Amino acid sequence: METRRRSVVKAVLWNAVGFVVMSFVGLIATGSAAIGGGLALVNTAIGLTLYVIYERIWAGISWGRNV
């Protein structure tokens, strides 16, 4: 079973990568670094929250594990 701390660290690192990518995509799509960054920030906050919840749910499911 994965610890909560590990799940959170994984989520934060993954979302940091996503934030950079989404900022770049937002900049290209809107032509504005401020709007693109704002969109990326909202996306990252929502994604981080949902990812942590998702990981914690799967951490409690034993299906498919070789124990």
Protein backbone atom coordinates (compact mmCIF):
# COMPACT_ATOMS: atom_id res chain seq x y z
CA MET A 1 0.00 0.00 0.00
CA GLU A 2 1.23 3.44 -0.89
CA THR A 3 1.57 6.11 1.80
CA ARG A 4 -0.40 9.34 1.61
CA ARG A 5 2.83 11.31 1.45
CA ARG A 6 4.02 9.36 -1.60
CA SER A 7 0.67 9.88 -3.33
CA VAL A 8 0.82 13.62 -2.69
CA VAL A 9 4.45 13.95 -3.86
CA LYS A 10 3.66 12.03 -7.06
CA ALA A 11 0.62 14.21 -7.66
CA VAL A 12 2.50 17.47 -7.07
CA LEU A 13 5.36 16.50 -9.39
CA TRP A 14 3.02 15.29 -12.13
CA ASN A 15 0.96 18.45 -11.87
CA ALA A 16 4.08 20.65 -12.02
CA VAL A 17 4.88 19.06 -15.37
CA GLY A 18 1.27 19.53 -16.45
CA PHE A 19 1.32 23.17 -15.35
CA VAL A 20 4.33 23.96 -17.53
CA VAL A 21 2.82 22.19 -20.53
CA MET A 22 -0.62 23.76 -20.01
CA SER A 23 0.91 27.24 -19.63
CA PHE A 24 2.67 26.83 -22.94
CA VAL A 25 -0.47 25.53 -24.65
CA GLY A 26 -2.52 28.36 -23.11
CA LEU A 27 0.01 30.92 -24.33
CA ILE A 28 -0.13 29.52 -27.85
CA ALA A 29 -3.95 29.27 -27.84
CA THR A 30 -4.64 32.73 -26.40
CA GLY A 31 -1.53 34.72 -27.23
CA SER A 32 -1.45 35.90 -23.61
CA ALA A 33 0.92 34.59 -20.96
CA ALA A 34 -1.39 35.88 -18.20
CA ILE A 35 -4.51 34.18 -19.55
CA GLY A 36 -2.61 31.01 -20.45
CA GLY A 37 -1.01 30.93 -17.00
CA GLY A 38 -4.36 31.52 -15.32
CA LEU A 39 -5.96 28.67 -17.23
CA ALA A 40 -3.02 26.44 -16.36
CA LEU A 41 -3.28 27.37 -12.68
CA VAL A 42 -6.98 26.50 -12.51
CA ASN A 43 -6.37 23.27 -14.42
CA THR A 44 -3.51 22.32 -12.11
CA ALA A 45 -5.49 23.00 -8.92
CA ILE A 46 -8.42 20.89 -10.11
CA GLY A 47 -6.17 18.17 -11.52
CA LEU A 48 -4.04 17.93 -8.36
CA THR A 49 -7.08 17.55 -6.14
CA LEU A 50 -8.71 14.92 -8.32
CA TYR A 51 -5.44 13.02 -8.83
CA VAL A 52 -4.78 12.72 -5.08
CA ILE A 53 -8.33 11.44 -4.52
CA TYR A 54 -7.99 9.03 -7.45
CA GLU A 55 -4.64 7.67 -6.19
CA ARG A 56 -5.95 7.19 -2.65
CA ILE A 57 -8.97 5.27 -3.93
CA TRP A 58 -6.75 2.98 -6.02
CA ALA A 59 -4.31 2.53 -3.12
CA GLY A 60 -7.14 0.83 -1.23
CA ILE A 61 -8.12 -1.54 -4.05
CA SER A 62 -6.31 -4.86 -4.07
CA TRP A 63 -7.49 -5.95 -7.54
CA GLY A 64 -4.61 -6.66 -9.92
CA ARG A 65 -1.85 -6.63 -7.29
CA ASN A 66 0.65 -9.40 -6.83
CA VAL A 67 0.84 -9.58 -3.07
